[in-house]
Amino acid sequence: IEDDDEEEEELDKDPWAASKDEDKESWKQTYRPWKRQKAQDKLPIREKSGEVVPILCGSFPVVCLLGETGSGKSTQVPQIILEEARTVGWQVRIAVSQPRRVAALNLANRVATEMGEDRIGRSVGYRIGGESVEGQYIDFCTV
């Protein structure tokens, strides 16, 4: 039996503690990646994030990411990019395209929940046709 106290202490540490951004406090209130579910960490995209981050956040203007259904492409990649951006001090706006309205709305809600938010319209939003609830960092859009 492993002692979970050490793991809980690690999860409670603030990864942005060294950040000097003006909006650090508001960011910390809405975005809590260290409380991510263990199941999310086991998704294939999270397991490969060490390989994916340099490509996604590198010098390529366009990146095409292919993966199996359920691998975390739509839910985890925006969060991975956001985490990396915060680590290096970049300001980012992320658009995630989806083929249908229902998919965009469901994913926006899911990602907002995974990020520890109680609703969309803070860090995560959507833009669907003439309707939009803009997120500060991530927007799910229909094409």
Protein backbone atom coordinates (compact mmCIF):
# COMPACT_ATOMS: atom_id res chain seq x y z
CA ILE A 1 0.00 0.00 0.00
CA GLU A 2 1.41 3.34 -1.04
CA ASP A 3 1.12 6.47 1.03
CA ASP A 4 -1.02 9.02 -0.85
CA ASP A 5 0.00 11.98 1.36
CA GLU A 6 3.13 12.66 -0.70
CA GLU A 7 1.13 12.50 -3.92
CA GLU A 8 -1.50 14.92 -2.53
CA GLU A 9 1.23 17.38 -1.52
CA GLU A 10 2.65 17.22 -5.06
CA LEU A 11 -0.80 17.82 -6.58
CA ASP A 12 -1.38 20.85 -4.34
CA LYS A 13 1.83 22.58 -5.44
CA ASP A 14 1.20 25.53 -7.71
CA PRO A 15 3.15 25.02 -10.97
CA TRP A 16 2.79 28.73 -11.76
CA ALA A 17 4.29 29.91 -8.46
CA ALA A 18 7.36 31.32 -10.21
CA SER A 19 5.24 33.09 -12.86
CA LYS A 20 5.53 36.89 -12.89
CA ASP A 21 2.47 37.58 -15.07
CA GLU A 22 0.16 40.32 -13.84
CA ASP A 23 -2.86 38.06 -14.05
CA LYS A 24 -1.26 35.23 -12.07
CA GLU A 25 -3.91 35.33 -9.36
CA SER A 26 -6.86 35.24 -11.75
CA TRP A 27 -5.17 32.45 -13.70
CA LYS A 28 -4.64 30.38 -10.57
CA GLN A 29 -8.29 30.79 -9.63
CA THR A 30 -9.55 29.37 -12.91
CA TYR A 31 -6.88 26.98 -14.17
CA ARG A 32 -5.73 24.07 -12.06
CA PRO A 33 -3.91 21.55 -14.26
CA TRP A 34 -2.29 19.87 -11.27
CA LYS A 35 -5.74 18.59 -10.21
CA ARG A 36 -6.20 16.77 -13.48
CA GLN A 37 -7.71 13.31 -13.23
CA LYS A 38 -5.33 10.35 -13.33
CA ALA A 39 -7.40 8.88 -16.19
CA GLN A 40 -6.59 11.93 -18.31
CA ASP A 41 -2.89 11.43 -17.67
CA LYS A 42 -3.16 7.93 -19.15
CA LEU A 43 -4.58 9.11 -22.47
CA PRO A 44 -2.20 8.42 -25.37
CA ILE A 45 -1.67 12.12 -26.11
CA ARG A 46 -0.60 12.80 -22.50
CA GLU A 47 1.80 9.87 -22.60
CA LYS A 48 3.36 11.33 -25.77
CA SER A 49 3.28 14.98 -24.65
CA GLY A 50 7.09 15.09 -24.40
CA GLU A 51 7.24 14.39 -28.13
CA VAL A 52 4.20 16.45 -29.10
CA VAL A 53 4.91 19.73 -27.25
CA PRO A 54 8.10 20.64 -29.17
CA ILE A 55 6.22 20.15 -32.43
CA LEU A 56 3.03 21.94 -31.40
CA CYS A 57 4.84 24.84 -29.77
CA GLY A 58 7.75 24.95 -32.21
CA SER A 59 8.38 26.99 -35.31
CA PHE A 60 5.90 25.22 -37.60
CA PRO A 61 3.02 27.52 -38.64
CA VAL A 62 0.66 24.54 -39.15
CA VAL A 63 0.69 21.13 -37.49
CA CYS A 64 -1.56 18.23 -38.43
CA LEU A 65 -2.14 15.89 -35.51
CA LEU A 66 -3.54 12.42 -36.18
CA GLY A 67 -4.69 10.03 -33.50
CA GLU A 68 -7.29 7.44 -32.65
CA THR A 69 -10.74 8.39 -31.40
CA GLY A 70 -10.53 8.93 -27.66
CA SER A 71 -6.80 9.64 -27.64
CA GLY A 72 -7.23 13.17 -26.26
CA LYS A 73 -6.64 15.24 -29.40
CA SER A 74 -9.54 17.65 -28.83
CA THR A 75 -9.57 17.76 -25.02
CA GLN A 76 -5.94 17.38 -23.97
CA VAL A 77 -3.95 19.10 -26.74
CA PRO A 78 -5.43 22.56 -26.03
CA GLN A 79 -4.65 22.09 -22.34
CA ILE A 80 -1.11 20.87 -23.11
CA ILE A 81 -0.48 23.92 -25.29
CA LEU A 82 -1.89 26.20 -22.59
CA GLU A 83 0.27 24.60 -19.89
CA GLU A 84 3.39 24.97 -22.05
CA ALA A 85 2.54 28.58 -22.88
CA ARG A 86 2.18 29.44 -19.20
CA THR A 87 5.46 27.70 -18.42
CA VAL A 88 7.39 29.84 -20.92
CA GLY A 89 5.33 33.02 -20.39
CA TRP A 90 3.51 33.18 -23.73
CA GLN A 91 0.05 34.61 -24.21
CA VAL A 92 -1.98 32.26 -26.40
CA ARG A 93 -5.41 31.95 -27.97
CA ILE A 94 -6.30 28.43 -29.05
CA ALA A 95 -9.03 27.53 -31.54
CA VAL A 96 -10.19 23.93 -31.78
CA SER A 97 -12.35 23.16 -34.80
CA GLN A 98 -15.13 20.60 -34.65
CA PRO A 99 -17.43 19.36 -37.42
CA ARG A 100 -20.70 19.79 -35.50
CA ARG A 101 -22.30 22.18 -33.03
CA VAL A 102 -23.02 19.47 -30.45
CA ALA A 103 -19.39 18.30 -30.49
CA ALA A 104 -18.08 21.85 -30.01
CA LEU A 105 -20.44 22.57 -27.10
CA ASN A 106 -19.82 19.25 -25.37
CA LEU A 107 -16.04 19.59 -25.70
CA ALA A 108 -16.07 23.18 -24.44
CA ASN A 109 -17.99 22.07 -21.35
CA ARG A 110 -15.77 19.05 -20.80
CA VAL A 111 -12.49 20.98 -21.10
CA ALA A 112 -13.79 23.75 -18.82
CA THR A 113 -14.70 21.11 -16.24
CA GLU A 114 -11.31 19.39 -16.58
CA MET A 115 -9.66 22.76 -15.99
CA GLY A 116 -11.58 23.14 -12.72
CA GLU A 117 -14.07 25.71 -13.93
CA ASP A 118 -17.77 25.55 -13.13
CA ARG A 119 -18.91 26.90 -16.51
CA ILE A 120 -17.75 27.90 -19.96
CA GLY A 121 -16.99 31.55 -20.66
CA ARG A 122 -13.93 31.91 -18.48
CA SER A 123 -10.85 30.18 -19.88
CA VAL A 124 -12.84 28.07 -22.34
CA GLY A 125 -15.57 29.15 -24.74
CA TYR A 126 -17.16 28.41 -28.07
CA ARG A 127 -17.96 30.12 -31.39
CA ILE A 128 -20.69 28.41 -33.33
CA GLY A 129 -22.36 30.20 -36.21
CA GLY A 130 -23.73 33.47 -34.88
CA GLU A 131 -23.61 32.29 -31.27
CA SER A 132 -20.53 32.63 -29.11
CA VAL A 133 -19.36 32.60 -25.53
CA GLU A 134 -15.75 33.67 -25.81
CA GLY A 135 -13.14 31.97 -23.68
CA GLN A 136 -10.03 33.81 -22.57
CA TYR A 137 -7.65 31.10 -23.86
CA ILE A 138 -9.49 28.30 -25.71
CA ASP A 139 -12.45 28.44 -28.09
CA PHE A 140 -14.16 25.46 -29.70
CA CYS A 141 -15.49 26.38 -33.15
CA THR A 142 -17.50 24.78 -35.91
CA VAL A 143 -16.14 24.82 -39.45
